[in-house]
Each structure stands twice: as structure tokens, then as C-alpha cells.
Amino acid sequence: MKKRDEQHVVIIDDDPVSNMLTEMSIKSVHSKDFIRSYVDPTDGIEHIANLVNKNEGEQVIAFVDINMPGLSGWDVIERLAPMITNGQANGLRIYMLSSSINTNDKLKAYNIPIVSGYFEKPLSSKDFSDLIFKCNYIR
């Protein structure tokens, strides 16, 4: 498998400070990543759909917070699921990124087939580096 030089990263989290910290961790590992943050989950879902439609086969990594007003992270996953299950978004990897210490949240995330992993906030540079390695070389 060919190593990719850049990733599209979408962060969906209602906390702008958390988004900024996540972006900083990502940029410290790989400055070529195209990062977009959304505090409104609907806008984030729309952006992911646009990326999937425009960049067929490209890698899109989405970090989704669990606890948000309006649409929760679980709601976001439910809305993204059809893109993945119908094969439209083969390069989309979804990771839950949450400050939740609830073990049930972690278990739920790991039991949803389209969720690739779970990270506790704040996302560390090492976590992102390890994730990128896996996304680039293991499919």
C-alpha cells in the first residue's frame, strides 16, 4: 500500500477550545493535513459528505465528540453510517474523541462497526501519530 502524504481531518465537537487543542496536536505531527473543526455537528456531517463525494478513495479522518447539545456523537455516527455501509466512503475513519470517563461509552463505541477507535480528550500528538501510521499502512 502506498503511503499517503496528507489526510483530511474533520473535528466535530461543540467545545472550541477542545477543537483548538486537537488541531494543535494534529499539526505538531503532520502539517500537511487538511483540518476543519465544527462546533455544529450538522455542518461537520455536511463537510464529510462533501469530502467523500469529491475525493473518492481519499482518506478522511473524523473525530467526533460524544456529548454535544442537539446532535450527540451517536447521532452523528448514525447519520454517517449509510455513507460507509453503501461503500461510498471507504476512506472514512471515525474516531470518538471524548472527555467521558463512562466505561459504557467506550464499550458502545467499540461495538459500533463503523467506529475505528476511541480517544480520551485531549488527543495527544502520539495518539495522532499512531493513528496516522495505522491509516496509512493498514487497511
N, C-alpha and C. Protein backbone atom coordinates (compact mmCIF):
# COMPACT_ATOMS: atom_id res chain seq x y z
N MET A 1 0.85 -1.19 0.00
CA MET A 1 0.00 0.00 0.00
C MET A 1 0.88 1.24 0.00
N LYS A 2 0.53 2.17 -0.82
CA LYS A 2 1.26 3.43 -0.94
C LYS A 2 0.96 4.34 0.26
N LYS A 3 2.00 4.94 0.80
CA LYS A 3 1.85 5.87 1.92
C LYS A 3 1.27 7.19 1.41
N ARG A 4 0.30 7.71 2.13
CA ARG A 4 -0.31 8.98 1.75
C ARG A 4 0.43 10.12 2.45
N ASP A 5 0.53 11.25 1.77
CA ASP A 5 1.22 12.40 2.34
C ASP A 5 0.30 13.30 3.16
N GLU A 6 -0.99 13.19 2.96
CA GLU A 6 -1.88 14.08 3.67
C GLU A 6 -3.20 13.38 3.96
N GLN A 7 -3.86 13.88 4.98
CA GLN A 7 -5.15 13.36 5.39
C GLN A 7 -6.12 14.53 5.47
N HIS A 8 -7.38 14.25 5.25
CA HIS A 8 -8.41 15.23 5.55
C HIS A 8 -8.90 14.88 6.96
N VAL A 9 -8.85 15.85 7.85
CA VAL A 9 -9.27 15.62 9.23
C VAL A 9 -10.44 16.55 9.54
N VAL A 10 -11.51 15.96 10.07
CA VAL A 10 -12.69 16.72 10.46
C VAL A 10 -12.92 16.48 11.95
N ILE A 11 -13.03 17.57 12.68
CA ILE A 11 -13.28 17.50 14.12
C ILE A 11 -14.69 18.04 14.36
N ILE A 12 -15.51 17.23 15.02
CA ILE A 12 -16.87 17.65 15.35
C ILE A 12 -16.98 17.63 16.87
N ASP A 13 -16.98 18.82 17.45
CA ASP A 13 -17.00 18.97 18.91
C ASP A 13 -17.57 20.35 19.23
N ASP A 14 -18.50 20.41 20.15
CA ASP A 14 -19.14 21.69 20.48
C ASP A 14 -18.25 22.61 21.30
N ASP A 15 -17.06 22.15 21.69
CA ASP A 15 -16.15 22.95 22.52
C ASP A 15 -15.01 23.51 21.66
N PRO A 16 -15.03 24.83 21.37
CA PRO A 16 -13.99 25.42 20.51
C PRO A 16 -12.57 25.27 21.08
N VAL A 17 -12.43 25.29 22.39
CA VAL A 17 -11.10 25.14 23.00
C VAL A 17 -10.58 23.73 22.75
N SER A 18 -11.44 22.75 22.92
CA SER A 18 -11.05 21.37 22.65
C SER A 18 -10.66 21.20 21.17
N ASN A 19 -11.40 21.84 20.28
CA ASN A 19 -11.07 21.78 18.86
C ASN A 19 -9.69 22.36 18.59
N MET A 20 -9.40 23.49 19.23
CA MET A 20 -8.10 24.13 19.04
C MET A 20 -6.97 23.22 19.54
N LEU A 21 -7.15 22.60 20.69
CA LEU A 21 -6.12 21.70 21.23
C LEU A 21 -5.93 20.48 20.33
N THR A 22 -7.02 19.94 19.83
CA THR A 22 -6.93 18.79 18.93
C THR A 22 -6.19 19.18 17.66
N GLU A 23 -6.52 20.33 17.10
CA GLU A 23 -5.82 20.81 15.90
C GLU A 23 -4.34 20.98 16.16
N MET A 24 -3.97 21.52 17.30
CA MET A 24 -2.56 21.73 17.64
C MET A 24 -1.83 20.39 17.70
N SER A 25 -2.44 19.38 18.31
CA SER A 25 -1.82 18.05 18.38
C SER A 25 -1.61 17.47 17.00
N ILE A 26 -2.61 17.63 16.14
CA ILE A 26 -2.52 17.08 14.79
C ILE A 26 -1.43 17.81 13.99
N LYS A 27 -1.43 19.14 14.06
CA LYS A 27 -0.44 19.92 13.31
C LYS A 27 0.99 19.67 13.78
N SER A 28 1.15 19.31 15.04
CA SER A 28 2.51 19.04 15.54
C SER A 28 3.07 17.74 14.96
N VAL A 29 2.21 16.88 14.46
CA VAL A 29 2.63 15.61 13.88
C VAL A 29 2.79 15.72 12.37
N HIS A 30 1.84 16.39 11.74
CA HIS A 30 1.84 16.42 10.28
C HIS A 30 1.18 17.70 9.80
N SER A 31 1.98 18.63 9.35
CA SER A 31 1.46 19.95 8.98
C SER A 31 0.72 19.95 7.65
N LYS A 32 0.81 18.87 6.88
CA LYS A 32 0.14 18.83 5.59
C LYS A 32 -1.32 18.41 5.67
N ASP A 33 -1.78 18.05 6.85
CA ASP A 33 -3.17 17.62 6.99
C ASP A 33 -4.12 18.78 6.79
N PHE A 34 -5.24 18.50 6.14
CA PHE A 34 -6.28 19.50 5.93
C PHE A 34 -7.29 19.34 7.06
N ILE A 35 -7.27 20.27 7.99
CA ILE A 35 -8.07 20.15 9.21
C ILE A 35 -9.21 21.17 9.19
N ARG A 36 -10.40 20.68 9.48
CA ARG A 36 -11.56 21.55 9.65
C ARG A 36 -12.25 21.15 10.95
N SER A 37 -12.62 22.15 11.74
CA SER A 37 -13.32 21.91 13.00
C SER A 37 -14.73 22.48 12.92
N TYR A 38 -15.64 21.77 13.53
CA TYR A 38 -17.04 22.21 13.54
C TYR A 38 -17.62 22.08 14.94
N VAL A 39 -18.24 23.16 15.40
CA VAL A 39 -18.96 23.11 16.68
C VAL A 39 -20.42 22.71 16.44
N ASP A 40 -20.88 22.83 15.21
CA ASP A 40 -22.22 22.40 14.83
C ASP A 40 -22.08 21.05 14.10
N PRO A 41 -22.59 20.00 14.72
CA PRO A 41 -22.44 18.66 14.11
C PRO A 41 -23.01 18.55 12.70
N THR A 42 -24.11 19.24 12.42
CA THR A 42 -24.71 19.18 11.09
C THR A 42 -23.75 19.71 10.03
N ASP A 43 -23.04 20.80 10.34
CA ASP A 43 -22.05 21.35 9.41
C ASP A 43 -20.90 20.37 9.19
N GLY A 44 -20.48 19.69 10.25
CA GLY A 44 -19.42 18.70 10.13
C GLY A 44 -19.82 17.52 9.27
N ILE A 45 -21.04 17.05 9.46
CA ILE A 45 -21.56 15.94 8.65
C ILE A 45 -21.60 16.34 7.18
N GLU A 46 -22.06 17.55 6.91
CA GLU A 46 -22.14 18.05 5.54
C GLU A 46 -20.75 18.12 4.90
N HIS A 47 -19.77 18.60 5.67
CA HIS A 47 -18.40 18.69 5.15
C HIS A 47 -17.85 17.30 4.83
N ILE A 48 -18.09 16.35 5.72
CA ILE A 48 -17.63 14.98 5.47
C ILE A 48 -18.27 14.42 4.21
N ALA A 49 -19.57 14.64 4.05
CA ALA A 49 -20.27 14.16 2.86
C ALA A 49 -19.66 14.78 1.60
N ASN A 50 -19.35 16.07 1.65
CA ASN A 50 -18.73 16.74 0.50
C ASN A 50 -17.35 16.16 0.20
N LEU A 51 -16.55 15.92 1.25
CA LEU A 51 -15.23 15.33 1.04
C LEU A 51 -15.33 13.95 0.41
N VAL A 52 -16.26 13.16 0.91
CA VAL A 52 -16.43 11.81 0.41
C VAL A 52 -16.85 11.84 -1.07
N ASN A 53 -17.73 12.77 -1.40
CA ASN A 53 -18.21 12.87 -2.79
C ASN A 53 -17.14 13.40 -3.73
N LYS A 54 -16.33 14.36 -3.28
CA LYS A 54 -15.31 14.98 -4.13
C LYS A 54 -14.04 14.16 -4.22
N ASN A 55 -13.67 13.52 -3.15
CA ASN A 55 -12.37 12.86 -3.05
C ASN A 55 -12.52 11.36 -2.91
N GLU A 56 -13.11 10.75 -3.89
CA GLU A 56 -13.37 9.32 -3.83
C GLU A 56 -12.08 8.56 -3.55
N GLY A 57 -12.10 7.74 -2.52
CA GLY A 57 -10.94 6.94 -2.16
C GLY A 57 -9.94 7.64 -1.27
N GLU A 58 -10.08 8.94 -1.08
CA GLU A 58 -9.15 9.67 -0.21
C GLU A 58 -9.44 9.37 1.25
N GLN A 59 -8.42 9.49 2.05
CA GLN A 59 -8.53 9.25 3.49
C GLN A 59 -9.19 10.45 4.17
N VAL A 60 -10.25 10.20 4.92
CA VAL A 60 -10.91 11.22 5.74
C VAL A 60 -10.98 10.66 7.15
N ILE A 61 -10.41 11.40 8.08
CA ILE A 61 -10.44 11.00 9.49
C ILE A 61 -11.36 11.96 10.22
N ALA A 62 -12.35 11.41 10.90
CA ALA A 62 -13.29 12.24 11.66
C ALA A 62 -13.16 11.93 13.14
N PHE A 63 -12.99 12.99 13.93
CA PHE A 63 -13.03 12.89 15.38
C PHE A 63 -14.37 13.46 15.83
N VAL A 64 -15.14 12.67 16.55
CA VAL A 64 -16.48 13.07 16.94
C VAL A 64 -16.62 13.00 18.45
N ASP A 65 -17.00 14.14 19.05
CA ASP A 65 -17.27 14.18 20.49
C ASP A 65 -18.58 13.43 20.75
N ILE A 66 -18.69 12.81 21.90
CA ILE A 66 -19.91 12.07 22.23
C ILE A 66 -20.99 13.00 22.76
N ASN A 67 -20.65 13.81 23.75
CA ASN A 67 -21.66 14.63 24.43
C ASN A 67 -21.71 16.04 23.86
N MET A 68 -22.72 16.26 23.02
CA MET A 68 -22.94 17.58 22.43
C MET A 68 -24.43 17.88 22.50
N PRO A 69 -24.77 19.16 22.64
CA PRO A 69 -26.20 19.50 22.63
C PRO A 69 -26.77 19.33 21.21
N GLY A 70 -28.04 19.07 21.12
CA GLY A 70 -28.65 18.85 19.81
C GLY A 70 -28.32 17.45 19.35
N LEU A 71 -27.42 17.34 18.37
CA LEU A 71 -26.99 16.03 17.90
C LEU A 71 -25.84 15.53 18.76
N SER A 72 -25.98 14.35 19.32
CA SER A 72 -24.88 13.75 20.08
C SER A 72 -23.92 13.09 19.09
N GLY A 73 -22.79 12.66 19.58
CA GLY A 73 -21.84 11.93 18.74
C GLY A 73 -22.46 10.66 18.17
N TRP A 74 -23.33 10.03 18.96
CA TRP A 74 -24.00 8.81 18.49
C TRP A 74 -24.93 9.15 17.32
N ASP A 75 -25.59 10.32 17.39
CA ASP A 75 -26.45 10.76 16.28
C ASP A 75 -25.62 11.01 15.03
N VAL A 76 -24.45 11.61 15.21
CA VAL A 76 -23.55 11.88 14.07
C VAL A 76 -23.16 10.55 13.40
N ILE A 77 -22.80 9.57 14.21
CA ILE A 77 -22.43 8.25 13.69
C ILE A 77 -23.59 7.65 12.89
N GLU A 78 -24.79 7.78 13.44
CA GLU A 78 -25.97 7.25 12.77
C GLU A 78 -26.18 7.90 11.39
N ARG A 79 -25.89 9.19 11.30
CA ARG A 79 -26.07 9.90 10.02
C ARG A 79 -24.95 9.59 9.02
N LEU A 80 -23.76 9.27 9.53
CA LEU A 80 -22.65 8.93 8.64
C LEU A 80 -22.68 7.47 8.20
N ALA A 81 -23.34 6.63 8.96
CA ALA A 81 -23.34 5.18 8.69
C ALA A 81 -23.73 4.81 7.27
N PRO A 82 -24.79 5.40 6.69
CA PRO A 82 -25.16 5.00 5.33
C PRO A 82 -24.04 5.23 4.30
N MET A 83 -23.25 6.28 4.47
CA MET A 83 -22.16 6.53 3.54
C MET A 83 -21.14 5.41 3.57
N ILE A 84 -20.94 4.84 4.75
CA ILE A 84 -19.94 3.78 4.90
C ILE A 84 -20.51 2.43 4.48
N THR A 85 -21.71 2.13 4.93
CA THR A 85 -22.27 0.82 4.65
C THR A 85 -22.60 0.61 3.17
N ASN A 86 -22.84 1.69 2.43
CA ASN A 86 -23.11 1.51 0.99
C ASN A 86 -21.84 1.61 0.15
N GLY A 87 -20.68 1.70 0.83
CA GLY A 87 -19.40 1.71 0.13
C GLY A 87 -18.99 3.05 -0.45
N GLN A 88 -19.78 4.08 -0.18
CA GLN A 88 -19.49 5.41 -0.72
C GLN A 88 -18.28 6.05 -0.04
N ALA A 89 -18.02 5.67 1.20
CA ALA A 89 -16.97 6.31 1.99
C ALA A 89 -15.95 5.30 2.50
N ASN A 90 -15.30 4.59 1.60
CA ASN A 90 -14.34 3.57 2.01
C ASN A 90 -13.15 4.14 2.77
N GLY A 91 -12.78 5.39 2.50
CA GLY A 91 -11.63 6.01 3.15
C GLY A 91 -11.97 6.76 4.42
N LEU A 92 -13.22 6.69 4.86
CA LEU A 92 -13.63 7.42 6.07
C LEU A 92 -13.37 6.58 7.31
N ARG A 93 -12.64 7.16 8.24
CA ARG A 93 -12.37 6.53 9.53
C ARG A 93 -12.93 7.45 10.61
N ILE A 94 -13.78 6.90 11.47
CA ILE A 94 -14.42 7.68 12.52
C ILE A 94 -13.86 7.26 13.87
N TYR A 95 -13.45 8.26 14.64
CA TYR A 95 -12.93 8.04 15.98
C TYR A 95 -13.73 8.88 16.95
N MET A 96 -14.16 8.27 18.03
CA MET A 96 -14.83 9.02 19.08
C MET A 96 -13.73 9.71 19.89
N LEU A 97 -13.94 10.97 20.20
CA LEU A 97 -12.99 11.77 20.98
C LEU A 97 -13.80 12.42 22.09
N SER A 98 -13.61 11.95 23.31
CA SER A 98 -14.50 12.42 24.36
C SER A 98 -13.78 12.56 25.69
N SER A 99 -14.32 13.42 26.52
CA SER A 99 -13.83 13.55 27.89
C SER A 99 -14.60 12.62 28.81
N SER A 100 -15.52 11.87 28.27
CA SER A 100 -16.34 10.95 29.06
C SER A 100 -15.45 9.87 29.69
N ILE A 101 -15.67 9.64 30.96
CA ILE A 101 -14.96 8.56 31.63
C ILE A 101 -15.89 7.36 31.84
N ASN A 102 -17.05 7.43 31.22
CA ASN A 102 -18.04 6.38 31.31
C ASN A 102 -17.59 5.17 30.50
N THR A 103 -17.36 4.07 31.17
CA THR A 103 -16.92 2.85 30.51
C THR A 103 -17.92 2.39 29.46
N ASN A 104 -19.20 2.64 29.72
CA ASN A 104 -20.23 2.24 28.75
C ASN A 104 -20.08 2.98 27.43
N ASP A 105 -19.62 4.25 27.48
CA ASP A 105 -19.39 4.99 26.23
C ASP A 105 -18.29 4.33 25.41
N LYS A 106 -17.22 3.94 26.08
CA LYS A 106 -16.12 3.26 25.37
C LYS A 106 -16.59 1.94 24.77
N LEU A 107 -17.30 1.16 25.57
CA LEU A 107 -17.80 -0.13 25.07
C LEU A 107 -18.74 0.05 23.90
N LYS A 108 -19.62 1.04 23.99
CA LYS A 108 -20.56 1.30 22.91
C LYS A 108 -19.81 1.67 21.63
N ALA A 109 -18.80 2.54 21.77
CA ALA A 109 -18.01 2.95 20.61
C ALA A 109 -17.32 1.76 19.96
N TYR A 110 -16.72 0.90 20.77
CA TYR A 110 -16.00 -0.25 20.22
C TYR A 110 -16.93 -1.30 19.61
N ASN A 111 -18.21 -1.25 19.97
CA ASN A 111 -19.18 -2.20 19.43
C ASN A 111 -19.93 -1.69 18.22
N ILE A 112 -19.60 -0.50 17.75
CA ILE A 112 -20.20 0.03 16.53
C ILE A 112 -19.20 -0.22 15.41
N PRO A 113 -19.56 -1.07 14.47
CA PRO A 113 -18.59 -1.48 13.44
C PRO A 113 -17.95 -0.33 12.66
N ILE A 114 -18.65 0.78 12.46
CA ILE A 114 -18.06 1.86 11.66
C ILE A 114 -17.17 2.80 12.47
N VAL A 115 -17.09 2.59 13.79
CA VAL A 115 -16.21 3.40 14.62
C VAL A 115 -14.86 2.70 14.69
N SER A 116 -13.82 3.42 14.29
CA SER A 116 -12.48 2.84 14.23
C SER A 116 -11.73 2.87 15.54
N GLY A 117 -12.18 3.72 16.49
CA GLY A 117 -11.49 3.79 17.78
C GLY A 117 -12.07 4.85 18.68
N TYR A 118 -11.48 4.95 19.86
CA TYR A 118 -11.94 5.88 20.89
C TYR A 118 -10.71 6.51 21.53
N PHE A 119 -10.72 7.82 21.63
CA PHE A 119 -9.64 8.54 22.29
C PHE A 119 -10.23 9.45 23.36
N GLU A 120 -9.50 9.55 24.46
CA GLU A 120 -9.90 10.49 25.51
C GLU A 120 -9.27 11.83 25.21
N LYS A 121 -10.03 12.89 25.52
CA LYS A 121 -9.52 14.25 25.36
C LYS A 121 -8.51 14.54 26.45
N PRO A 122 -7.54 15.33 26.16
CA PRO A 122 -7.19 15.86 24.85
C PRO A 122 -6.43 14.82 24.03
N LEU A 123 -6.60 14.89 22.72
CA LEU A 123 -5.88 14.00 21.83
C LEU A 123 -4.40 14.37 21.88
N SER A 124 -3.56 13.39 22.13
CA SER A 124 -2.13 13.68 22.19
C SER A 124 -1.51 13.56 20.81
N SER A 125 -0.36 14.17 20.65
CA SER A 125 0.39 14.06 19.39
C SER A 125 0.74 12.61 19.10
N LYS A 126 1.10 11.86 20.15
CA LYS A 126 1.45 10.45 19.97
C LYS A 126 0.24 9.64 19.50
N ASP A 127 -0.93 9.91 20.08
CA ASP A 127 -2.15 9.22 19.63
C ASP A 127 -2.37 9.45 18.14
N PHE A 128 -2.24 10.71 17.72
CA PHE A 128 -2.49 11.02 16.30
C PHE A 128 -1.42 10.39 15.42
N SER A 129 -0.18 10.44 15.84
CA SER A 129 0.91 9.84 15.08
C SER A 129 0.67 8.34 14.89
N ASP A 130 0.28 7.65 15.95
CA ASP A 130 -0.01 6.22 15.87
C ASP A 130 -1.19 5.95 14.94
N LEU A 131 -2.19 6.79 15.02
CA LEU A 131 -3.38 6.65 14.19
C LEU A 131 -3.02 6.81 12.71
N ILE A 132 -2.25 7.83 12.39
CA ILE A 132 -1.85 8.09 11.01
C ILE A 132 -1.05 6.91 10.45
N PHE A 133 -0.16 6.37 11.28
CA PHE A 133 0.61 5.20 10.84
C PHE A 133 -0.34 4.06 10.47
N LYS A 134 -1.30 3.79 11.32
CA LYS A 134 -2.25 2.70 11.05
C LYS A 134 -3.08 3.01 9.80
N CYS A 135 -3.54 4.24 9.66
CA CYS A 135 -4.37 4.60 8.49
C CYS A 135 -3.58 4.50 7.19
N ASN A 136 -2.32 4.84 7.24
CA ASN A 136 -1.50 4.84 6.03
C ASN A 136 -1.10 3.44 5.58
N TYR A 137 -0.89 2.55 6.52
CA TYR A 137 -0.30 1.26 6.17
C TYR A 137 -1.20 0.06 6.40
N ILE A 138 -2.25 0.24 7.18
CA ILE A 138 -3.12 -0.89 7.48
C ILE A 138 -4.52 -0.54 7.05
N ARG A 139 -5.06 -1.26 6.14
CA ARG A 139 -6.43 -1.02 5.66
C ARG A 139 -7.27 -2.22 5.90
